[in-house]
Amino acid sequence: MSLLTENNRQYYEGAQGFRGDGSTVSFTTTFNTNLVFGAASNTNVNYSLNNFKIYTSASATPGSWSEVVADYTVENNTIVFNTPPVNNLYIVVQLKKLDGGNYASTQQEKAYGDAVEKNYGSYAYISLDDVVNNFLVAYVGDGKLIPSVKRTDVVFHAKRGLQEFSYDTLKSVNKLEVTVPHNLSIPMPQDYVNYVNLYWIDNSGVKHVIMPGDGLTTNPTDVFLDDNKGVPIQDEFGNNIDTTSITDYRWKNNFLKNANNQDLLNDTILGW
């Protein structure tokens, strides 16, 4: 989708990494969420206004990260250090999230907040106001396609255009297998638009319809390794880590399927 600007790590984990080279002082983040900066020092009352935290490590191993609480400023999503980070220093910008993120060595250093959760779904839309403003700037005025037009007329046709998209746009369906955590809530996939069908999978790999549908099992197209909150885990390159499908395993070992040797319909667990 054209509005996807974040990689998997930025979207799900809310983190973006950089490496120091001994000379560079500026590092620009590319989250869909703008950085909110109150203060660099955790002794300043405005530090709590930050919607992010910065961590550094010489090795990037668990437990080696330290929170940066001084000597930097932020402007237009660019972090500027007073002195260049040393060569090969690992730097991570962590947006605040409900579980505090993965880069703190102590509970106090965790980045608690909800900036990551608020960003879920941000890829999915461009505001109607932006559509109208872009049209007025590009096409209306002296020497342009339309000399003059009322804004209300542009708004009307923009809304009609959105209706036509829902009628005529080619529809596609993806299938995602996830482990539902205890809180029964997971972040929607980055390219989610709307669901088609929902199923739960039993110990035999058989799918059971949560809403009306046919078939007994499914063949998920995306099987990501996730944590105990249902959030996909990323590798060092910021991409989701693939894993094996529990559905496929259970279905292949289903006694009834093997005994009867029947071919059953495939459908979705979560389709969008």
C-alpha atoms as a PDB file:
ATOM      1  CA  MET A   1       0.000   0.000   0.000  1.00  0.00           C
ATOM      2  CA  SER A   2       1.283   3.443  -0.929  1.00  0.00           C
ATOM      3  CA  LEU A   3       0.709   4.906   2.525  1.00  0.00           C
ATOM      4  CA  LEU A   4       3.013   2.398   4.238  1.00  0.00           C
ATOM      5  CA  THR A   5       6.071   4.394   5.307  1.00  0.00           C
ATOM      6  CA  GLU A   6       7.244   2.389   8.337  1.00  0.00           C
ATOM      7  CA  ASN A   7       8.993  -0.969   8.431  1.00  0.00           C
ATOM      8  CA  ASN A   8       7.683  -3.782  10.646  1.00  0.00           C
ATOM      9  CA  ARG A   9       9.918  -2.838  13.560  1.00  0.00           C
ATOM     10  CA  GLN A  10       8.784   0.774  13.554  1.00  0.00           C
ATOM     11  CA  TYR A  11       5.110  -0.148  13.320  1.00  0.00           C
ATOM     12  CA  TYR A  12       4.879  -3.010  15.824  1.00  0.00           C
ATOM     13  CA  GLU A  13       7.766  -2.333  18.214  1.00  0.00           C
ATOM     14  CA  GLY A  14       7.801   1.446  17.849  1.00  0.00           C
ATOM     15  CA  ALA A  15      11.599   1.449  17.641  1.00  0.00           C
ATOM     16  CA  GLN A  16      14.146   2.696  15.108  1.00  0.00           C
ATOM     17  CA  GLY A  17      17.872   2.032  15.277  1.00  0.00           C
ATOM     18  CA  PHE A  18      20.942   3.986  14.204  1.00  0.00           C
ATOM     19  CA  ARG A  19      24.724   3.513  14.419  1.00  0.00           C
ATOM     20  CA  GLY A  20      27.202   6.152  15.527  1.00  0.00           C
ATOM     21  CA  ASP A  21      30.228   6.834  13.306  1.00  0.00           C
ATOM     22  CA  GLY A  22      32.163   9.260  15.486  1.00  0.00           C
ATOM     23  CA  SER A  23      31.235  12.305  13.412  1.00  0.00           C
ATOM     24  CA  THR A  24      27.464  12.358  12.746  1.00  0.00           C
ATOM     25  CA  VAL A  25      25.394  14.244  15.324  1.00  0.00           C
ATOM     26  CA  SER A  26      21.964  14.303  13.603  1.00  0.00           C
ATOM     27  CA  PHE A  27      19.647  11.289  13.286  1.00  0.00           C
ATOM     28  CA  THR A  28      16.207  11.646  11.683  1.00  0.00           C
ATOM     29  CA  THR A  29      13.385   9.281  12.627  1.00  0.00           C
ATOM     30  CA  THR A  30      10.807   8.184  10.062  1.00  0.00           C
ATOM     31  CA  PHE A  31       7.914   7.080  12.264  1.00  0.00           C
ATOM     32  CA  ASN A  32       4.372   7.975  11.251  1.00  0.00           C
ATOM     33  CA  THR A  33       4.250   9.494  14.741  1.00  0.00           C
ATOM     34  CA  ASN A  34       6.028  12.823  15.196  1.00  0.00           C
ATOM     35  CA  LEU A  35       8.475  13.031  18.083  1.00  0.00           C
ATOM     36  CA  VAL A  36       7.214  15.153  20.991  1.00  0.00           C
ATOM     37  CA  PHE A  37      10.110  16.732  22.859  1.00  0.00           C
ATOM     38  CA  GLY A  38       9.856  18.360  26.283  1.00  0.00           C
ATOM     39  CA  ALA A  39      13.359  18.018  27.718  1.00  0.00           C
ATOM     40  CA  ALA A  40      16.462  15.830  27.458  1.00  0.00           C
ATOM     41  CA  SER A  41      17.096  15.522  31.195  1.00  0.00           C
ATOM     42  CA  ASN A  42      14.987  13.201  33.329  1.00  0.00           C
ATOM     43  CA  THR A  43      15.347  15.667  36.214  1.00  0.00           C
ATOM     44  CA  ASN A  44      13.416  18.258  34.203  1.00  0.00           C
ATOM     45  CA  VAL A  45       9.660  18.221  34.823  1.00  0.00           C
ATOM     46  CA  ASN A  46       9.076  18.489  31.054  1.00  0.00           C
ATOM     47  CA  TYR A  47      10.900  15.205  30.409  1.00  0.00           C
ATOM     48  CA  SER A  48       7.642  13.341  30.988  1.00  0.00           C
ATOM     49  CA  LEU A  49       6.171  15.186  27.988  1.00  0.00           C
ATOM     50  CA  ASN A  50       8.470  13.271  25.615  1.00  0.00           C
ATOM     51  CA  ASN A  51       6.660  10.546  23.700  1.00  0.00           C
ATOM     52  CA  PHE A  52       9.919   8.616  23.244  1.00  0.00           C
ATOM     53  CA  LYS A  53      13.125   7.562  24.945  1.00  0.00           C
ATOM     54  CA  ILE A  54      16.642   7.097  23.557  1.00  0.00           C
ATOM     55  CA  TYR A  55      18.888   4.176  24.468  1.00  0.00           C
ATOM     56  CA  THR A  56      22.496   3.369  23.551  1.00  0.00           C
ATOM     57  CA  SER A  57      24.620   0.238  23.778  1.00  0.00           C
ATOM     58  CA  ALA A  58      28.095  -0.811  22.700  1.00  0.00           C
ATOM     59  CA  SER A  59      26.991  -4.387  21.980  1.00  0.00           C
ATOM     60  CA  ALA A  60      23.180  -4.301  21.458  1.00  0.00           C
ATOM     61  CA  THR A  61      22.785  -7.302  23.766  1.00  0.00           C
ATOM     62  CA  PRO A  62      19.889  -7.568  26.258  1.00  0.00           C
ATOM     63  CA  GLY A  63      20.623  -5.733  29.480  1.00  0.00           C
ATOM     64  CA  SER A  64      23.383  -3.592  27.934  1.00  0.00           C
ATOM     65  CA  TRP A  65      21.199  -0.628  26.979  1.00  0.00           C
ATOM     66  CA  SER A  66      21.396   2.691  28.835  1.00  0.00           C
ATOM     67  CA  GLU A  67      18.881   5.522  28.689  1.00  0.00           C
ATOM     68  CA  VAL A  68      20.187   8.796  27.257  1.00  0.00           C
ATOM     69  CA  VAL A  69      19.066  11.633  29.534  1.00  0.00           C
ATOM     70  CA  ALA A  70      21.238  14.586  28.452  1.00  0.00           C
ATOM     71  CA  ASP A  71      23.153  16.305  25.652  1.00  0.00           C
ATOM     72  CA  TYR A  72      20.635  16.221  22.804  1.00  0.00           C
ATOM     73  CA  THR A  73      17.838  18.280  21.282  1.00  0.00           C
ATOM     74  CA  VAL A  74      14.987  17.403  18.915  1.00  0.00           C
ATOM     75  CA  GLU A  75      13.604  19.421  16.020  1.00  0.00           C
ATOM     76  CA  ASN A  76      11.295  18.210  13.228  1.00  0.00           C
ATOM     77  CA  ASN A  77      11.816  14.538  14.147  1.00  0.00           C
ATOM     78  CA  THR A  78      15.602  14.956  13.999  1.00  0.00           C
ATOM     79  CA  ILE A  79      17.628  14.162  17.110  1.00  0.00           C
ATOM     80  CA  VAL A  80      20.789  16.252  17.394  1.00  0.00           C
ATOM     81  CA  PHE A  81      23.460  15.217  19.906  1.00  0.00           C
ATOM     82  CA  ASN A  82      25.771  17.836  21.383  1.00  0.00           C
ATOM     83  CA  THR A  83      28.737  15.553  20.687  1.00  0.00           C
ATOM     84  CA  PRO A  84      28.932  12.818  18.004  1.00  0.00           C
ATOM     85  CA  PRO A  85      28.137   9.301  19.280  1.00  0.00           C
ATOM     86  CA  VAL A  86      31.268   7.150  19.162  1.00  0.00           C
ATOM     87  CA  ASN A  87      31.955   4.870  16.226  1.00  0.00           C
ATOM     88  CA  ASN A  88      29.719   1.739  16.053  1.00  0.00           C
ATOM     89  CA  LEU A  89      27.615   2.810  19.049  1.00  0.00           C
ATOM     90  CA  TYR A  90      24.102   1.338  18.787  1.00  0.00           C
ATOM     91  CA  ILE A  91      21.363   3.953  19.177  1.00  0.00           C
ATOM     92  CA  VAL A  92      17.643   3.158  19.484  1.00  0.00           C
ATOM     93  CA  VAL A  93      14.744   5.586  19.569  1.00  0.00           C
ATOM     94  CA  GLN A  94      11.820   3.881  21.336  1.00  0.00           C
ATOM     95  CA  LEU A  95       8.360   5.414  21.172  1.00  0.00           C
ATOM     96  CA  LYS A  96       6.512   5.005  24.437  1.00  0.00           C
ATOM     97  CA  LYS A  97       4.297   1.889  24.579  1.00  0.00           C
ATOM     98  CA  LEU A  98       2.160   0.095  27.108  1.00  0.00           C
ATOM     99  CA  ASP A  99       4.781  -2.523  28.015  1.00  0.00           C
ATOM    100  CA  GLY A 100       7.668  -0.016  28.101  1.00  0.00           C
ATOM    101  CA  GLY A 101       9.612  -1.440  25.159  1.00  0.00           C
ATOM    102  CA  ASN A 102      12.590  -3.819  25.009  1.00  0.00           C
ATOM    103  CA  TYR A 103      15.599  -1.567  25.623  1.00  0.00           C
ATOM    104  CA  ALA A 104      15.573  -0.604  29.290  1.00  0.00           C
ATOM    105  CA  SER A 105      17.858  -2.180  31.879  1.00  0.00           C
ATOM    106  CA  THR A 106      15.585  -1.161  34.764  1.00  0.00           C
ATOM    107  CA  GLN A 107      11.867  -0.600  35.248  1.00  0.00           C
ATOM    108  CA  GLN A 108      12.508   3.120  35.752  1.00  0.00           C
ATOM    109  CA  GLU A 109      14.144   3.379  32.331  1.00  0.00           C
ATOM    110  CA  LYS A 110      11.266   1.707  30.458  1.00  0.00           C
ATOM    111  CA  ALA A 111       9.402   3.862  27.932  1.00  0.00           C
ATOM    112  CA  TYR A 112       5.881   3.561  29.325  1.00  0.00           C
ATOM    113  CA  GLY A 113       3.111   5.279  27.391  1.00  0.00           C
ATOM    114  CA  ASP A 114       0.802   4.667  24.438  1.00  0.00           C
ATOM    115  CA  ALA A 115       2.427   6.403  21.448  1.00  0.00           C
ATOM    116  CA  VAL A 116       2.969   3.055  19.682  1.00  0.00           C
ATOM    117  CA  GLU A 117      -0.594   1.855  20.233  1.00  0.00           C
ATOM    118  CA  LYS A 118      -2.019   5.178  19.028  1.00  0.00           C
ATOM    119  CA  ASN A 119      -0.001   4.758  15.825  1.00  0.00           C
ATOM    120  CA  TYR A 120      -1.664   1.436  14.933  1.00  0.00           C
ATOM    121  CA  GLY A 121      -3.766   2.029  11.828  1.00  0.00           C
ATOM    122  CA  SER A 122      -2.056   5.317  10.927  1.00  0.00           C
ATOM    123  CA  TYR A 123      -0.977   3.872   7.557  1.00  0.00           C
ATOM    124  CA  ALA A 124      -4.544   3.292   6.501  1.00  0.00           C
ATOM    125  CA  TYR A 125      -5.832   6.717   5.656  1.00  0.00           C
ATOM    126  CA  ILE A 126      -5.176  10.190   4.373  1.00  0.00           C
ATOM    127  CA  SER A 127      -7.543  12.758   5.824  1.00  0.00           C
ATOM    128  CA  LEU A 128     -10.300  14.226   3.661  1.00  0.00           C
ATOM    129  CA  ASP A 129      -9.002  17.653   4.610  1.00  0.00           C
ATOM    130  CA  ASP A 130      -5.610  16.794   3.083  1.00  0.00           C
ATOM    131  CA  VAL A 131      -7.270  15.550  -0.105  1.00  0.00           C
ATOM    132  CA  VAL A 132      -9.244  18.771  -0.497  1.00  0.00           C
ATOM    133  CA  ASN A 133      -6.291  21.030   0.332  1.00  0.00           C
ATOM    134  CA  ASN A 134      -4.000  19.196  -2.100  1.00  0.00           C
ATOM    135  CA  PHE A 135      -6.568  19.531  -4.877  1.00  0.00           C
ATOM    136  CA  LEU A 136      -7.065  23.257  -4.255  1.00  0.00           C
ATOM    137  CA  VAL A 137      -3.323  23.907  -4.268  1.00  0.00           C
ATOM    138  CA  ALA A 138      -2.610  21.848  -7.383  1.00  0.00           C
ATOM    139  CA  TYR A 139      -5.568  22.618  -9.640  1.00  0.00           C
ATOM    140  CA  VAL A 140      -7.351  25.810  -8.573  1.00  0.00           C
ATOM    141  CA  GLY A 141      -6.177  29.364  -9.258  1.00  0.00           C
ATOM    142  CA  ASP A 142      -4.976  31.712 -11.995  1.00  0.00           C
ATOM    143  CA  GLY A 143      -3.373  29.829 -14.855  1.00  0.00           C
ATOM    144  CA  LYS A 144      -4.438  26.437 -13.471  1.00  0.00           C
ATOM    145  CA  LEU A 145      -7.007  23.903 -14.628  1.00  0.00           C
ATOM    146  CA  ILE A 146      -9.841  25.479 -12.603  1.00  0.00           C
ATOM    147  CA  PRO A 147      -9.835  29.313 -12.187  1.00  0.00           C
ATOM    148  CA  SER A 148     -12.051  29.226  -9.092  1.00  0.00           C
ATOM    149  CA  VAL A 149     -14.235  26.815  -7.148  1.00  0.00           C
ATOM    150  CA  LYS A 150     -16.026  26.689  -3.826  1.00  0.00           C
ATOM    151  CA  ARG A 151     -14.387  24.539  -1.194  1.00  0.00           C
ATOM    152  CA  THR A 152     -17.754  22.958  -0.394  1.00  0.00           C
ATOM    153  CA  ASP A 153     -18.005  21.727  -4.005  1.00  0.00           C
ATOM    154  CA  VAL A 154     -14.562  20.117  -3.763  1.00  0.00           C
ATOM    155  CA  VAL A 155     -15.520  18.447  -0.476  1.00  0.00           C
ATOM    156  CA  PHE A 156     -18.691  17.047  -2.080  1.00  0.00           C
ATOM    157  CA  HIS A 157     -16.828  15.478  -5.013  1.00  0.00           C
ATOM    158  CA  ALA A 158     -14.074  14.185  -2.729  1.00  0.00           C
ATOM    159  CA  LYS A 159     -16.687  12.318  -0.692  1.00  0.00           C
ATOM    160  CA  ARG A 160     -18.251  10.949  -3.867  1.00  0.00           C
ATOM    161  CA  GLY A 161     -14.826   9.753  -4.951  1.00  0.00           C
ATOM    162  CA  LEU A 162     -14.423   7.836  -1.702  1.00  0.00           C
ATOM    163  CA  GLN A 163     -17.770   6.157  -2.324  1.00  0.00           C
ATOM    164  CA  GLU A 164     -16.688   5.098  -5.816  1.00  0.00           C
ATOM    165  CA  PHE A 165     -13.490   3.575  -4.418  1.00  0.00           C
ATOM    166  CA  SER A 166     -15.554   1.300  -2.201  1.00  0.00           C
ATOM    167  CA  TYR A 167     -17.625   0.199  -5.215  1.00  0.00           C
ATOM    168  CA  ASP A 168     -14.946  -0.304  -7.863  1.00  0.00           C
ATOM    169  CA  THR A 169     -11.547  -0.931  -6.246  1.00  0.00           C
ATOM    170  CA  LEU A 170     -10.252  -4.470  -6.830  1.00  0.00           C
ATOM    171  CA  LYS A 171     -10.631  -6.407  -3.635  1.00  0.00           C
ATOM    172  CA  SER A 172      -7.874  -8.661  -2.259  1.00  0.00           C
ATOM    173  CA  VAL A 173      -7.801 -10.933   0.794  1.00  0.00           C
ATOM    174  CA  ASN A 174      -4.797 -11.764   2.982  1.00  0.00           C
ATOM    175  CA  LYS A 175      -4.730 -14.438   5.685  1.00  0.00           C
ATOM    176  CA  LEU A 176      -3.008 -14.007   9.016  1.00  0.00           C
ATOM    177  CA  GLU A 177      -2.461 -16.543  11.801  1.00  0.00           C
ATOM    178  CA  VAL A 178      -1.954 -15.061  15.271  1.00  0.00           C
ATOM    179  CA  THR A 179      -1.896 -16.348  18.827  1.00  0.00           C
ATOM    180  CA  VAL A 180      -4.537 -14.429  20.752  1.00  0.00           C
ATOM    181  CA  PRO A 181      -3.069 -13.185  24.065  1.00  0.00           C
ATOM    182  CA  HIS A 182      -4.866 -13.244  27.413  1.00  0.00           C
ATOM    183  CA  ASN A 183      -6.174  -9.706  26.964  1.00  0.00           C
ATOM    184  CA  LEU A 184      -7.900 -10.851  23.720  1.00  0.00           C
ATOM    185  CA  SER A 185      -6.470  -7.884  21.838  1.00  0.00           C
ATOM    186  CA  ILE A 186      -3.860  -7.667  19.053  1.00  0.00           C
ATOM    187  CA  PRO A 187      -2.670  -4.779  16.852  1.00  0.00           C
ATOM    188  CA  MET A 188      -4.168  -4.841  13.386  1.00  0.00           C
ATOM    189  CA  PRO A 189      -1.726  -5.730  10.553  1.00  0.00           C
ATOM    190  CA  GLN A 190      -0.036  -2.827   8.785  1.00  0.00           C
ATOM    191  CA  ASP A 191      -2.131  -3.199   5.616  1.00  0.00           C
ATOM    192  CA  TYR A 192      -5.446  -4.050   7.357  1.00  0.00           C
ATOM    193  CA  VAL A 193      -8.600  -2.538   5.844  1.00  0.00           C
ATOM    194  CA  ASN A 194     -11.462  -4.717   7.074  1.00  0.00           C
ATOM    195  CA  TYR A 195     -11.974  -8.329   8.119  1.00  0.00           C
ATOM    196  CA  VAL A 196     -13.560 -10.997   5.913  1.00  0.00           C
ATOM    197  CA  ASN A 197     -13.849 -14.008   8.227  1.00  0.00           C
ATOM    198  CA  LEU A 198     -12.681 -15.093  11.673  1.00  0.00           C
ATOM    199  CA  TYR A 199     -11.895 -18.607  12.894  1.00  0.00           C
ATOM    200  CA  TRP A 200     -10.285 -20.343  15.849  1.00  0.00           C
ATOM    201  CA  ILE A 201      -8.064 -23.411  15.431  1.00  0.00           C
ATOM    202  CA  ASP A 202      -8.396 -26.453  17.704  1.00  0.00           C
ATOM    203  CA  ASN A 203      -5.687 -28.938  18.743  1.00  0.00           C
ATOM    204  CA  SER A 204      -6.213 -30.959  15.554  1.00  0.00           C
ATOM    205  CA  GLY A 205      -5.593 -27.973  13.334  1.00  0.00           C
ATOM    206  CA  VAL A 206      -9.259 -27.754  12.411  1.00  0.00           C
ATOM    207  CA  LYS A 207     -10.673 -24.276  12.053  1.00  0.00           C
ATOM    208  CA  HIS A 208     -13.989 -23.386  13.652  1.00  0.00           C
ATOM    209  CA  VAL A 209     -16.002 -20.521  12.254  1.00  0.00           C
ATOM    210  CA  ILE A 210     -16.521 -17.569  14.555  1.00  0.00           C
ATOM    211  CA  MET A 211     -18.799 -16.012  11.964  1.00  0.00           C
ATOM    212  CA  PRO A 212     -20.726 -17.794   9.142  1.00  0.00           C
ATOM    213  CA  GLY A 213     -18.486 -19.558   6.620  1.00  0.00           C
ATOM    214  CA  ASP A 214     -17.541 -22.905   5.076  1.00  0.00           C
ATOM    215  CA  GLY A 215     -14.539 -25.209   5.311  1.00  0.00           C
ATOM    216  CA  LEU A 216     -12.600 -26.684   8.206  1.00  0.00           C
ATOM    217  CA  THR A 217      -9.067 -25.279   8.080  1.00  0.00           C
ATOM    218  CA  THR A 218      -6.917 -22.601   6.490  1.00  0.00           C
ATOM    219  CA  ASN A 219      -3.546 -21.941   4.890  1.00  0.00           C
ATOM    220  CA  PRO A 220      -2.180 -18.726   6.433  1.00  0.00           C
ATOM    221  CA  THR A 221      -0.037 -16.564   4.155  1.00  0.00           C
ATOM    222  CA  ASP A 222       1.658 -14.725   7.037  1.00  0.00           C
ATOM    223  CA  VAL A 223       2.983 -16.583  10.090  1.00  0.00           C
ATOM    224  CA  PHE A 224       5.047 -14.300  12.311  1.00  0.00           C
ATOM    225  CA  LEU A 225       6.797 -15.029  15.595  1.00  0.00           C
ATOM    226  CA  ASP A 226       4.984 -12.982  18.239  1.00  0.00           C
ATOM    227  CA  ASP A 227       5.318 -12.220  21.937  1.00  0.00           C
ATOM    228  CA  ASN A 228       2.811 -12.950  24.705  1.00  0.00           C
ATOM    229  CA  LYS A 229       0.829  -9.862  23.714  1.00  0.00           C
ATOM    230  CA  GLY A 230       0.364 -10.978  20.110  1.00  0.00           C
ATOM    231  CA  VAL A 231       2.800  -8.352  18.763  1.00  0.00           C
ATOM    232  CA  PRO A 232       5.128  -9.613  15.970  1.00  0.00           C
ATOM    233  CA  ILE A 233       8.855  -9.745  16.827  1.00  0.00           C
ATOM    234  CA  GLN A 234      11.413  -8.234  14.441  1.00  0.00           C
ATOM    235  CA  ASP A 235      14.945  -9.245  13.473  1.00  0.00           C
ATOM    236  CA  GLU A 236      18.023  -6.998  13.385  1.00  0.00           C
ATOM    237  CA  PHE A 237      16.947  -5.628   9.993  1.00  0.00           C
ATOM    238  CA  GLY A 238      13.560  -4.462  11.300  1.00  0.00           C
ATOM    239  CA  ASN A 239      11.539  -7.180   9.516  1.00  0.00           C
ATOM    240  CA  ASN A 240       9.023  -9.532  11.110  1.00  0.00           C
ATOM    241  CA  ILE A 241      10.463 -12.960  11.982  1.00  0.00           C
ATOM    242  CA  ASP A 242       8.702 -15.820  10.175  1.00  0.00           C
ATOM    243  CA  THR A 243       7.852 -18.993  12.036  1.00  0.00           C
ATOM    244  CA  THR A 244       6.112 -22.280  11.323  1.00  0.00           C
ATOM    245  CA  SER A 245       2.341 -22.505  11.184  1.00  0.00           C
ATOM    246  CA  ILE A 246       0.588 -24.190  14.088  1.00  0.00           C
ATOM    247  CA  THR A 247      -2.441 -24.601  11.835  1.00  0.00           C
ATOM    248  CA  ASP A 248      -0.470 -26.507   9.174  1.00  0.00           C
ATOM    249  CA  TYR A 249       1.183 -28.728  11.781  1.00  0.00           C
ATOM    250  CA  ARG A 250      -2.061 -29.656  13.490  1.00  0.00           C
ATOM    251  CA  TRP A 251      -3.886 -30.186  10.210  1.00  0.00           C
ATOM    252  CA  LYS A 252      -1.170 -32.451   8.814  1.00  0.00           C
ATOM    253  CA  ASN A 253      -1.387 -34.548  12.002  1.00  0.00           C
ATOM    254  CA  ASN A 254      -5.167 -34.581  12.103  1.00  0.00           C
ATOM    255  CA  PHE A 255      -6.197 -38.248  12.506  1.00  0.00           C
ATOM    256  CA  LEU A 256      -9.555 -37.813  10.780  1.00  0.00           C
ATOM    257  CA  LYS A 257      -7.991 -36.088   7.778  1.00  0.00           C
ATOM    258  CA  ASN A 258      -5.335 -38.764   7.374  1.00  0.00           C
ATOM    259  CA  ALA A 259      -7.840 -41.553   7.853  1.00  0.00           C
ATOM    260  CA  ASN A 260     -10.396 -40.236   5.391  1.00  0.00           C
ATOM    261  CA  ASN A 261      -7.846 -38.661   2.986  1.00  0.00           C
ATOM    262  CA  GLN A 262     -10.244 -35.845   2.191  1.00  0.00           C
ATOM    263  CA  ASP A 263      -9.364 -32.538   0.555  1.00  0.00           C
ATOM    264  CA  LEU A 264     -11.078 -29.745   2.455  1.00  0.00           C
ATOM    265  CA  LEU A 265     -11.646 -26.138   1.529  1.00  0.00           C
ATOM    266  CA  ASN A 266      -9.126 -23.507   2.609  1.00  0.00           C
ATOM    267  CA  ASP A 267     -10.268 -20.188   3.967  1.00  0.00           C
ATOM    268  CA  THR A 268      -9.055 -17.439   6.281  1.00  0.00           C
ATOM    269  CA  ILE A 269      -8.449 -17.041   9.970  1.00  0.00           C
ATOM    270  CA  LEU A 270      -8.369 -13.255   9.759  1.00  0.00           C
ATOM    271  CA  GLY A 271      -8.862 -11.810   6.293  1.00  0.00           C
ATOM    272  CA  TRP A 272      -8.583  -8.217   5.176  1.00  0.00           C
END
